[in-house]
Amino acid sequence: MPDPDPALRPPALFRFCPRCGRGPVEPGQGPVFGCPGCGLHYHFNPTTAAGIVVEDEEGRVLFVRRAHDPARGRLAVPGGFVDVNEAAEEAARRETREETGLEVDEIAFLGSWPNAYEYRGVVYPVLDLYFTGRARAGSTALPGHEAEEILWRRPAEVDPAELAFPTTRAAIARFRATRGRGDG
């Protein structure tokens, strides 16, 4: 496997060992931090995020216009980071509730894509897991604190350039392909 982008090498951010405080330590190579003093050997794995392509009874998909950076003002599907001891499906449900108030049923795995998520000057390697789901009957979507607005659109009506992240573009493309038609 080729060496990842230098910005995606978290060990390079650490000059001192987080266990024993020894330093300065030579920047790590690849995804592993090793301390020659105490022997700490720490693997930096990607952060996990979960997003969900929520469909309504009319075949439209729920999009949120992001209220914050990264990608403020761009469209995304509800999603966010998976918490410790939380299943990805539950994270997708929780993020949808937090961002829109909507409850989701019939969750199914759609696909996964690696992503580089820049936040406060650090680029985090992320594995984005996407799911599909159905808006629960009687559930209403309203913008939460992370969303400027809520939009229900057919995926074919959304310009991929409007979408916040490359992984969202990939997920919407796969969603459309799995539906076997250009509008779904």
N, C-alpha and C. Protein backbone atom coordinates (compact mmCIF):
# COMPACT_ATOMS: atom_id res chain seq x y z
N MET A 1 0.86 -1.18 0.00
CA MET A 1 0.00 0.00 0.00
C MET A 1 0.90 1.24 0.00
N PRO A 2 0.59 2.23 -0.84
CA PRO A 2 1.43 3.43 -0.88
C PRO A 2 1.32 4.23 0.42
N ASP A 3 2.39 4.97 0.71
CA ASP A 3 2.42 5.82 1.89
C ASP A 3 1.34 6.89 1.77
N PRO A 4 0.55 7.12 2.82
CA PRO A 4 -0.50 8.13 2.74
C PRO A 4 0.07 9.54 2.64
N ASP A 5 -0.77 10.44 2.25
CA ASP A 5 -0.43 11.86 2.21
C ASP A 5 0.23 12.26 3.54
N PRO A 6 1.32 13.04 3.51
CA PRO A 6 1.98 13.43 4.76
C PRO A 6 1.04 14.11 5.76
N ALA A 7 0.04 14.81 5.28
CA ALA A 7 -0.91 15.47 6.19
C ALA A 7 -1.73 14.46 6.97
N LEU A 8 -1.77 13.21 6.50
CA LEU A 8 -2.56 12.18 7.17
C LEU A 8 -1.70 11.27 8.04
N ARG A 9 -0.57 11.76 8.51
CA ARG A 9 0.30 11.00 9.39
C ARG A 9 0.21 11.58 10.80
N PRO A 10 -0.79 11.21 11.58
CA PRO A 10 -0.92 11.79 12.93
C PRO A 10 0.32 11.66 13.79
N PRO A 11 1.13 10.58 13.69
CA PRO A 11 2.32 10.54 14.56
C PRO A 11 3.25 11.72 14.35
N ALA A 12 3.24 12.32 13.18
CA ALA A 12 4.11 13.47 12.92
C ALA A 12 3.71 14.69 13.76
N LEU A 13 2.50 14.68 14.31
CA LEU A 13 2.04 15.79 15.14
C LEU A 13 2.60 15.73 16.56
N PHE A 14 3.08 14.55 16.98
CA PHE A 14 3.52 14.35 18.35
C PHE A 14 5.03 14.41 18.44
N ARG A 15 5.54 15.35 19.23
CA ARG A 15 6.98 15.47 19.45
C ARG A 15 7.38 14.88 20.80
N PHE A 16 6.41 14.65 21.68
CA PHE A 16 6.67 14.08 22.99
C PHE A 16 5.76 12.88 23.18
N CYS A 17 6.26 11.89 23.89
CA CYS A 17 5.48 10.68 24.14
C CYS A 17 4.30 11.00 25.06
N PRO A 18 3.08 10.57 24.70
CA PRO A 18 1.92 10.85 25.54
C PRO A 18 1.90 10.03 26.84
N ARG A 19 2.72 8.96 26.93
CA ARG A 19 2.73 8.15 28.15
C ARG A 19 3.84 8.60 29.11
N CYS A 20 5.08 8.71 28.63
CA CYS A 20 6.20 9.01 29.53
C CYS A 20 6.71 10.44 29.43
N GLY A 21 6.29 11.18 28.39
CA GLY A 21 6.70 12.57 28.23
C GLY A 21 8.06 12.76 27.60
N ARG A 22 8.72 11.67 27.24
CA ARG A 22 10.04 11.78 26.62
C ARG A 22 9.95 12.56 25.31
N GLY A 23 10.95 13.35 25.06
CA GLY A 23 10.97 14.08 23.82
C GLY A 23 12.22 14.91 23.72
N PRO A 24 12.48 15.51 22.62
CA PRO A 24 11.64 15.33 21.43
C PRO A 24 11.85 13.95 20.81
N VAL A 25 10.78 13.43 20.29
CA VAL A 25 10.77 12.13 19.63
C VAL A 25 10.76 12.39 18.13
N GLU A 26 11.47 11.59 17.38
CA GLU A 26 11.47 11.73 15.91
C GLU A 26 10.07 11.50 15.38
N PRO A 27 9.66 12.29 14.38
CA PRO A 27 8.31 12.08 13.81
C PRO A 27 8.15 10.64 13.33
N GLY A 28 6.98 10.09 13.62
CA GLY A 28 6.69 8.72 13.23
C GLY A 28 6.54 8.56 11.72
N GLN A 29 6.78 7.37 11.27
CA GLN A 29 6.59 7.04 9.87
C GLN A 29 5.31 6.23 9.75
N GLY A 30 4.50 6.57 8.76
CA GLY A 30 3.26 5.83 8.58
C GLY A 30 2.30 6.10 9.72
N PRO A 31 1.45 5.13 10.02
CA PRO A 31 0.41 5.35 11.02
C PRO A 31 0.75 4.89 12.43
N VAL A 32 2.05 4.75 12.77
CA VAL A 32 2.42 4.23 14.09
C VAL A 32 3.32 5.22 14.81
N PHE A 33 3.03 5.46 16.10
CA PHE A 33 3.89 6.25 16.96
C PHE A 33 4.64 5.27 17.86
N GLY A 34 5.95 5.38 17.90
CA GLY A 34 6.74 4.53 18.78
C GLY A 34 7.66 5.37 19.63
N CYS A 35 7.68 5.09 20.92
CA CYS A 35 8.55 5.81 21.84
C CYS A 35 9.75 4.93 22.18
N PRO A 36 10.96 5.42 21.91
CA PRO A 36 12.14 4.63 22.25
C PRO A 36 12.40 4.57 23.76
N GLY A 37 11.77 5.46 24.52
CA GLY A 37 11.99 5.48 25.97
C GLY A 37 11.18 4.43 26.70
N CYS A 38 9.87 4.48 26.59
CA CYS A 38 9.01 3.56 27.35
C CYS A 38 8.48 2.41 26.50
N GLY A 39 8.73 2.48 25.19
CA GLY A 39 8.29 1.38 24.33
C GLY A 39 6.85 1.49 23.85
N LEU A 40 6.17 2.61 24.16
CA LEU A 40 4.80 2.76 23.67
C LEU A 40 4.78 2.58 22.16
N HIS A 41 3.86 1.80 21.71
CA HIS A 41 3.67 1.52 20.28
C HIS A 41 2.18 1.75 20.01
N TYR A 42 1.85 2.90 19.42
CA TYR A 42 0.45 3.29 19.26
C TYR A 42 0.11 3.40 17.79
N HIS A 43 -0.91 2.64 17.38
CA HIS A 43 -1.40 2.70 16.00
C HIS A 43 -2.45 3.79 15.88
N PHE A 44 -2.29 4.65 14.90
CA PHE A 44 -3.30 5.67 14.61
C PHE A 44 -4.18 5.13 13.50
N ASN A 45 -5.40 4.80 13.85
CA ASN A 45 -6.36 4.29 12.89
C ASN A 45 -7.30 5.42 12.49
N PRO A 46 -8.00 5.26 11.38
CA PRO A 46 -8.91 6.34 10.99
C PRO A 46 -10.05 6.49 11.99
N THR A 47 -10.49 7.71 12.12
CA THR A 47 -11.71 7.99 12.87
C THR A 47 -12.87 7.47 12.04
N THR A 48 -13.91 7.01 12.69
CA THR A 48 -15.07 6.47 11.98
C THR A 48 -16.21 7.48 12.02
N ALA A 49 -16.83 7.68 10.86
CA ALA A 49 -18.00 8.54 10.77
C ALA A 49 -19.12 7.77 10.07
N ALA A 50 -20.34 8.14 10.36
CA ALA A 50 -21.50 7.49 9.75
C ALA A 50 -22.44 8.54 9.19
N GLY A 51 -22.85 8.33 7.96
CA GLY A 51 -23.82 9.20 7.31
C GLY A 51 -24.97 8.36 6.79
N ILE A 52 -26.09 9.01 6.54
CA ILE A 52 -27.25 8.25 6.09
C ILE A 52 -28.01 8.99 5.00
N VAL A 53 -28.30 8.26 3.94
CA VAL A 53 -29.11 8.77 2.83
C VAL A 53 -30.55 8.41 3.19
N VAL A 54 -31.30 9.40 3.69
CA VAL A 54 -32.66 9.18 4.15
C VAL A 54 -33.63 9.50 3.03
N GLU A 55 -34.49 8.54 2.73
CA GLU A 55 -35.49 8.69 1.67
C GLU A 55 -36.87 8.87 2.29
N ASP A 56 -37.70 9.68 1.66
CA ASP A 56 -39.08 9.81 2.12
C ASP A 56 -39.98 8.97 1.22
N GLU A 57 -41.28 9.00 1.50
CA GLU A 57 -42.23 8.17 0.74
C GLU A 57 -42.36 8.59 -0.72
N GLU A 58 -41.89 9.80 -1.06
CA GLU A 58 -41.95 10.28 -2.44
C GLU A 58 -40.65 10.03 -3.21
N GLY A 59 -39.68 9.36 -2.58
CA GLY A 59 -38.41 9.07 -3.24
C GLY A 59 -37.41 10.21 -3.21
N ARG A 60 -37.70 11.21 -2.38
CA ARG A 60 -36.74 12.31 -2.23
C ARG A 60 -35.76 11.96 -1.12
N VAL A 61 -34.60 12.61 -1.15
CA VAL A 61 -33.55 12.38 -0.17
C VAL A 61 -33.37 13.63 0.68
N LEU A 62 -33.09 13.41 1.95
CA LEU A 62 -32.88 14.49 2.92
C LEU A 62 -31.45 15.01 2.81
N PHE A 63 -31.32 16.31 2.57
CA PHE A 63 -30.02 16.98 2.57
C PHE A 63 -30.06 18.08 3.62
N VAL A 64 -28.91 18.34 4.22
CA VAL A 64 -28.77 19.47 5.14
C VAL A 64 -27.74 20.42 4.55
N ARG A 65 -28.01 21.70 4.66
CA ARG A 65 -27.02 22.71 4.28
C ARG A 65 -26.20 22.98 5.54
N ARG A 66 -24.90 22.70 5.47
CA ARG A 66 -24.03 22.77 6.63
C ARG A 66 -23.91 24.20 7.18
N ALA A 67 -24.07 24.33 8.49
CA ALA A 67 -24.00 25.63 9.15
C ALA A 67 -22.58 25.97 9.61
N HIS A 68 -21.69 24.98 9.62
CA HIS A 68 -20.33 25.19 10.14
C HIS A 68 -19.29 24.60 9.19
N ASP A 69 -18.06 25.09 9.32
CA ASP A 69 -16.95 24.49 8.59
C ASP A 69 -16.59 23.16 9.24
N PRO A 70 -16.02 22.26 8.49
CA PRO A 70 -15.66 22.42 7.09
C PRO A 70 -16.88 22.36 6.18
N ALA A 71 -16.74 22.95 5.02
CA ALA A 71 -17.77 22.93 3.97
C ALA A 71 -19.05 23.66 4.35
N ARG A 72 -18.92 24.74 5.10
CA ARG A 72 -20.09 25.54 5.47
C ARG A 72 -20.83 25.99 4.21
N GLY A 73 -22.16 25.87 4.25
CA GLY A 73 -23.01 26.29 3.14
C GLY A 73 -23.20 25.23 2.06
N ARG A 74 -22.46 24.14 2.12
CA ARG A 74 -22.59 23.07 1.14
C ARG A 74 -23.58 22.04 1.65
N LEU A 75 -24.03 21.18 0.74
CA LEU A 75 -25.01 20.16 1.10
C LEU A 75 -24.33 18.87 1.55
N ALA A 76 -24.98 18.21 2.50
CA ALA A 76 -24.52 16.91 2.99
C ALA A 76 -25.74 16.11 3.39
N VAL A 77 -25.54 14.84 3.62
CA VAL A 77 -26.58 14.03 4.25
C VAL A 77 -26.28 14.05 5.75
N PRO A 78 -27.27 13.77 6.59
CA PRO A 78 -26.99 13.77 8.02
C PRO A 78 -25.89 12.76 8.35
N GLY A 79 -25.02 13.15 9.26
CA GLY A 79 -23.95 12.24 9.65
C GLY A 79 -22.96 12.91 10.56
N GLY A 80 -22.05 12.10 11.08
CA GLY A 80 -21.02 12.62 11.96
C GLY A 80 -20.20 11.49 12.55
N PHE A 81 -19.37 11.82 13.51
CA PHE A 81 -18.45 10.84 14.08
C PHE A 81 -19.17 9.83 14.97
N VAL A 82 -18.67 8.61 14.93
CA VAL A 82 -19.18 7.53 15.77
C VAL A 82 -18.53 7.67 17.14
N ASP A 83 -19.34 7.64 18.18
CA ASP A 83 -18.83 7.73 19.55
C ASP A 83 -18.28 6.38 20.00
N VAL A 84 -17.43 6.40 21.02
CA VAL A 84 -16.91 5.18 21.62
C VAL A 84 -18.09 4.33 22.11
N ASN A 85 -18.04 3.05 21.86
CA ASN A 85 -19.07 2.08 22.26
C ASN A 85 -20.42 2.31 21.58
N GLU A 86 -20.41 2.92 20.41
CA GLU A 86 -21.64 3.17 19.66
C GLU A 86 -21.52 2.46 18.31
N ALA A 87 -22.56 1.74 17.92
CA ALA A 87 -22.59 1.11 16.60
C ALA A 87 -22.76 2.20 15.54
N ALA A 88 -22.22 1.96 14.36
CA ALA A 88 -22.30 2.95 13.28
C ALA A 88 -23.75 3.27 12.93
N GLU A 89 -24.62 2.25 12.92
CA GLU A 89 -26.03 2.49 12.60
C GLU A 89 -26.68 3.41 13.63
N GLU A 90 -26.33 3.21 14.91
CA GLU A 90 -26.87 4.07 15.96
C GLU A 90 -26.32 5.49 15.83
N ALA A 91 -25.06 5.62 15.44
CA ALA A 91 -24.49 6.95 15.23
C ALA A 91 -25.23 7.66 14.10
N ALA A 92 -25.53 6.95 13.03
CA ALA A 92 -26.27 7.55 11.91
C ALA A 92 -27.65 8.01 12.36
N ARG A 93 -28.32 7.19 13.16
CA ARG A 93 -29.64 7.59 13.70
C ARG A 93 -29.51 8.82 14.61
N ARG A 94 -28.53 8.77 15.52
CA ARG A 94 -28.33 9.87 16.47
C ARG A 94 -28.01 11.17 15.75
N GLU A 95 -27.08 11.12 14.78
CA GLU A 95 -26.72 12.33 14.04
C GLU A 95 -27.92 12.88 13.27
N THR A 96 -28.74 12.01 12.72
CA THR A 96 -29.94 12.47 12.00
C THR A 96 -30.89 13.17 12.95
N ARG A 97 -31.08 12.60 14.14
CA ARG A 97 -31.94 13.25 15.16
C ARG A 97 -31.37 14.60 15.56
N GLU A 98 -30.03 14.65 15.82
CA GLU A 98 -29.41 15.90 16.27
C GLU A 98 -29.47 16.99 15.21
N GLU A 99 -29.26 16.62 13.95
CA GLU A 99 -29.20 17.61 12.88
C GLU A 99 -30.56 17.99 12.33
N THR A 100 -31.55 17.08 12.45
CA THR A 100 -32.84 17.34 11.79
C THR A 100 -34.06 17.02 12.64
N GLY A 101 -33.89 16.29 13.74
CA GLY A 101 -35.04 15.86 14.54
C GLY A 101 -35.77 14.68 13.96
N LEU A 102 -35.35 14.20 12.81
CA LEU A 102 -36.03 13.11 12.10
C LEU A 102 -35.65 11.76 12.67
N GLU A 103 -36.62 10.87 12.76
CA GLU A 103 -36.38 9.47 13.14
C GLU A 103 -36.29 8.64 11.86
N VAL A 104 -35.39 7.64 11.87
CA VAL A 104 -35.12 6.85 10.67
C VAL A 104 -35.32 5.37 10.94
N ASP A 105 -35.92 4.67 9.99
CA ASP A 105 -36.13 3.22 10.04
C ASP A 105 -35.47 2.57 8.82
N GLU A 106 -35.47 1.25 8.82
CA GLU A 106 -35.00 0.45 7.68
C GLU A 106 -33.58 0.82 7.25
N ILE A 107 -32.68 0.87 8.19
CA ILE A 107 -31.29 1.22 7.89
C ILE A 107 -30.58 0.03 7.25
N ALA A 108 -29.85 0.31 6.16
CA ALA A 108 -29.07 -0.71 5.46
C ALA A 108 -27.74 -0.09 5.03
N PHE A 109 -26.69 -0.89 5.03
CA PHE A 109 -25.36 -0.43 4.64
C PHE A 109 -25.33 -0.11 3.15
N LEU A 110 -24.73 1.04 2.80
CA LEU A 110 -24.59 1.47 1.41
C LEU A 110 -23.15 1.32 0.93
N GLY A 111 -22.17 1.73 1.73
CA GLY A 111 -20.78 1.64 1.33
C GLY A 111 -19.89 2.45 2.26
N SER A 112 -18.58 2.31 2.04
CA SER A 112 -17.62 3.06 2.85
C SER A 112 -16.53 3.62 1.97
N TRP A 113 -16.03 4.79 2.36
CA TRP A 113 -14.98 5.48 1.61
C TRP A 113 -14.06 6.20 2.58
N PRO A 114 -12.74 6.18 2.30
CA PRO A 114 -11.82 6.96 3.12
C PRO A 114 -11.95 8.44 2.81
N ASN A 115 -11.72 9.25 3.82
CA ASN A 115 -11.88 10.69 3.69
C ASN A 115 -10.77 11.39 4.47
N ALA A 116 -10.44 12.59 4.08
CA ALA A 116 -9.51 13.44 4.82
C ALA A 116 -10.33 14.63 5.33
N TYR A 117 -10.47 14.75 6.63
CA TYR A 117 -11.33 15.75 7.25
C TYR A 117 -10.46 16.76 7.97
N GLU A 118 -10.40 17.98 7.45
CA GLU A 118 -9.59 19.02 8.07
C GLU A 118 -10.42 19.78 9.08
N TYR A 119 -9.89 19.87 10.30
CA TYR A 119 -10.58 20.58 11.38
C TYR A 119 -9.53 21.25 12.25
N ARG A 120 -9.63 22.57 12.37
CA ARG A 120 -8.73 23.38 13.19
C ARG A 120 -7.25 23.11 12.89
N GLY A 121 -6.95 23.03 11.61
CA GLY A 121 -5.57 22.90 11.18
C GLY A 121 -4.99 21.49 11.21
N VAL A 122 -5.79 20.51 11.58
CA VAL A 122 -5.34 19.12 11.59
C VAL A 122 -6.18 18.35 10.57
N VAL A 123 -5.51 17.54 9.76
CA VAL A 123 -6.22 16.70 8.80
C VAL A 123 -6.35 15.31 9.41
N TYR A 124 -7.60 14.89 9.63
CA TYR A 124 -7.87 13.60 10.24
C TYR A 124 -8.21 12.58 9.17
N PRO A 125 -7.55 11.41 9.20
CA PRO A 125 -7.99 10.34 8.32
C PRO A 125 -9.29 9.76 8.88
N VAL A 126 -10.30 9.67 8.04
CA VAL A 126 -11.63 9.22 8.47
C VAL A 126 -12.10 8.12 7.54
N LEU A 127 -12.78 7.15 8.09
CA LEU A 127 -13.48 6.17 7.27
C LEU A 127 -14.95 6.50 7.39
N ASP A 128 -15.54 6.95 6.28
CA ASP A 128 -16.96 7.32 6.26
C ASP A 128 -17.79 6.10 5.86
N LEU A 129 -18.70 5.72 6.74
CA LEU A 129 -19.63 4.62 6.48
C LEU A 129 -20.98 5.24 6.15
N TYR A 130 -21.54 4.86 5.03
CA TYR A 130 -22.84 5.40 4.63
C TYR A 130 -23.89 4.32 4.64
N PHE A 131 -25.08 4.72 5.06
CA PHE A 131 -26.23 3.84 5.14
C PHE A 131 -27.38 4.47 4.36
N THR A 132 -28.40 3.68 4.10
CA THR A 132 -29.65 4.19 3.58
C THR A 132 -30.70 3.99 4.66
N GLY A 133 -31.76 4.75 4.60
CA GLY A 133 -32.83 4.60 5.57
C GLY A 133 -34.09 5.28 5.08
N ARG A 134 -35.16 5.02 5.78
CA ARG A 134 -36.46 5.61 5.47
C ARG A 134 -36.88 6.53 6.60
N ALA A 135 -37.41 7.68 6.23
CA ALA A 135 -37.95 8.60 7.24
C ALA A 135 -39.14 7.92 7.90
N ARG A 136 -39.15 7.90 9.21
CA ARG A 136 -40.25 7.29 9.95
C ARG A 136 -41.53 8.08 9.72
N ALA A 137 -42.61 7.39 9.43
CA ALA A 137 -43.91 8.02 9.20
C ALA A 137 -44.25 8.92 10.39
N GLY A 138 -44.68 10.13 10.10
CA GLY A 138 -45.06 11.08 11.12
C GLY A 138 -43.90 11.86 11.72
N SER A 139 -42.68 11.53 11.33
CA SER A 139 -41.50 12.23 11.82
C SER A 139 -41.25 13.44 10.93
N THR A 140 -40.89 14.57 11.53
CA THR A 140 -40.68 15.81 10.78
C THR A 140 -39.24 16.26 10.89
N ALA A 141 -38.70 16.73 9.78
CA ALA A 141 -37.32 17.22 9.76
C ALA A 141 -37.31 18.74 9.89
N LEU A 142 -36.54 19.22 10.84
CA LEU A 142 -36.32 20.66 11.05
C LEU A 142 -34.83 20.87 11.27
N PRO A 143 -34.27 22.00 10.81
CA PRO A 143 -32.83 22.19 10.98
C PRO A 143 -32.42 22.33 12.45
N GLY A 144 -31.41 21.55 12.83
CA GLY A 144 -30.81 21.66 14.15
C GLY A 144 -29.68 22.66 14.12
N HIS A 145 -28.89 22.72 15.18
CA HIS A 145 -27.82 23.73 15.29
C HIS A 145 -26.70 23.54 14.25
N GLU A 146 -26.57 22.36 13.65
CA GLU A 146 -25.52 22.12 12.67
C GLU A 146 -25.99 22.33 11.24
N ALA A 147 -27.27 22.64 11.05
CA ALA A 147 -27.83 22.77 9.71
C ALA A 147 -28.44 24.15 9.51
N GLU A 148 -28.05 24.81 8.41
CA GLU A 148 -28.68 26.08 8.05
C GLU A 148 -30.10 25.86 7.56
N GLU A 149 -30.28 24.79 6.77
CA GLU A 149 -31.60 24.47 6.27
C GLU A 149 -31.67 22.99 5.92
N ILE A 150 -32.90 22.52 5.77
CA ILE A 150 -33.20 21.15 5.39
C ILE A 150 -33.80 21.19 3.99
N LEU A 151 -33.37 20.28 3.15
CA LEU A 151 -33.92 20.19 1.80
C LEU A 151 -34.26 18.74 1.48
N TRP A 152 -35.41 18.52 0.89
CA TRP A 152 -35.78 17.21 0.37
C TRP A 152 -35.69 17.32 -1.15
N ARG A 153 -34.76 16.57 -1.73
CA ARG A 153 -34.57 16.63 -3.19
C ARG A 153 -34.37 15.23 -3.76
N ARG A 154 -34.73 15.11 -5.02
CA ARG A 154 -34.38 13.89 -5.74
C ARG A 154 -32.88 13.98 -6.02
N PRO A 155 -32.14 12.90 -5.83
CA PRO A 155 -30.69 12.96 -6.02
C PRO A 155 -30.27 13.48 -7.39
N ALA A 156 -31.04 13.20 -8.43
CA ALA A 156 -30.70 13.67 -9.78
C ALA A 156 -30.79 15.19 -9.88
N GLU A 157 -31.51 15.84 -8.95
CA GLU A 157 -31.66 17.29 -8.97
C GLU A 157 -30.51 18.02 -8.27
N VAL A 158 -29.61 17.26 -7.65
CA VAL A 158 -28.52 17.86 -6.89
C VAL A 158 -27.25 17.82 -7.72
N ASP A 159 -26.67 18.98 -7.92
CA ASP A 159 -25.38 19.08 -8.61
C ASP A 159 -24.32 18.52 -7.67
N PRO A 160 -23.54 17.52 -8.09
CA PRO A 160 -22.50 16.98 -7.21
C PRO A 160 -21.55 18.05 -6.67
N ALA A 161 -21.35 19.13 -7.40
CA ALA A 161 -20.47 20.22 -6.93
C ALA A 161 -21.05 20.91 -5.69
N GLU A 162 -22.36 20.77 -5.44
CA GLU A 162 -22.99 21.34 -4.25
C GLU A 162 -22.70 20.54 -2.99
N LEU A 163 -22.27 19.29 -3.17
CA LEU A 163 -22.10 18.39 -2.03
C LEU A 163 -20.79 18.67 -1.29
N ALA A 164 -20.85 18.57 0.02
CA ALA A 164 -19.76 18.99 0.89
C ALA A 164 -18.49 18.16 0.77
N PHE A 165 -18.60 16.88 0.58
CA PHE A 165 -17.42 16.01 0.66
C PHE A 165 -17.39 15.03 -0.51
N PRO A 166 -16.19 14.61 -0.92
CA PRO A 166 -16.09 13.61 -1.98
C PRO A 166 -16.81 12.31 -1.62
N THR A 167 -16.78 11.95 -0.34
CA THR A 167 -17.45 10.71 0.06
C THR A 167 -18.97 10.84 -0.05
N THR A 168 -19.50 12.03 0.18
CA THR A 168 -20.95 12.24 0.00
C THR A 168 -21.30 12.08 -1.47
N ARG A 169 -20.46 12.63 -2.35
CA ARG A 169 -20.69 12.46 -3.79
C ARG A 169 -20.67 10.98 -4.17
N ALA A 170 -19.71 10.24 -3.62
CA ALA A 170 -19.63 8.80 -3.92
C ALA A 170 -20.85 8.06 -3.39
N ALA A 171 -21.30 8.40 -2.19
CA ALA A 171 -22.47 7.73 -1.60
C ALA A 171 -23.73 8.02 -2.40
N ILE A 172 -23.92 9.26 -2.82
CA ILE A 172 -25.11 9.60 -3.62
C ILE A 172 -25.05 8.90 -4.98
N ALA A 173 -23.86 8.83 -5.57
CA ALA A 173 -23.72 8.12 -6.85
C ALA A 173 -24.07 6.64 -6.68
N ARG A 174 -23.57 6.02 -5.60
CA ARG A 174 -23.90 4.61 -5.37
C ARG A 174 -25.39 4.45 -5.09
N PHE A 175 -25.96 5.35 -4.32
CA PHE A 175 -27.40 5.29 -4.02
C PHE A 175 -28.20 5.31 -5.32
N ARG A 176 -27.86 6.22 -6.20
CA ARG A 176 -28.56 6.31 -7.49
C ARG A 176 -28.37 5.03 -8.29
N ALA A 177 -27.16 4.48 -8.30
CA ALA A 177 -26.89 3.25 -9.05
C ALA A 177 -27.65 2.06 -8.49
N THR A 178 -27.77 1.99 -7.16
CA THR A 178 -28.49 0.85 -6.55
C THR A 178 -29.98 0.94 -6.79
N ARG A 179 -30.46 2.13 -7.04
CA ARG A 179 -31.89 2.30 -7.32
C ARG A 179 -32.20 2.00 -8.79
N GLY A 180 -31.14 1.93 -9.62
CA GLY A 180 -31.31 1.54 -11.02
C GLY A 180 -32.02 2.56 -11.88
N ARG A 181 -32.03 3.81 -11.41
CA ARG A 181 -32.66 4.87 -12.22
C ARG A 181 -31.94 6.17 -11.91
N GLY A 182 -32.04 7.08 -12.80
CA GLY A 182 -31.34 8.35 -12.66
C GLY A 182 -31.91 9.28 -11.61
N ASP A 183 -33.18 9.11 -11.23
CA ASP A 183 -33.79 10.05 -10.30
C ASP A 183 -33.68 9.60 -8.86
N GLY A 184 -33.36 8.33 -8.62
CA GLY A 184 -33.39 7.82 -7.25
C GLY A 184 -32.09 7.80 -6.66
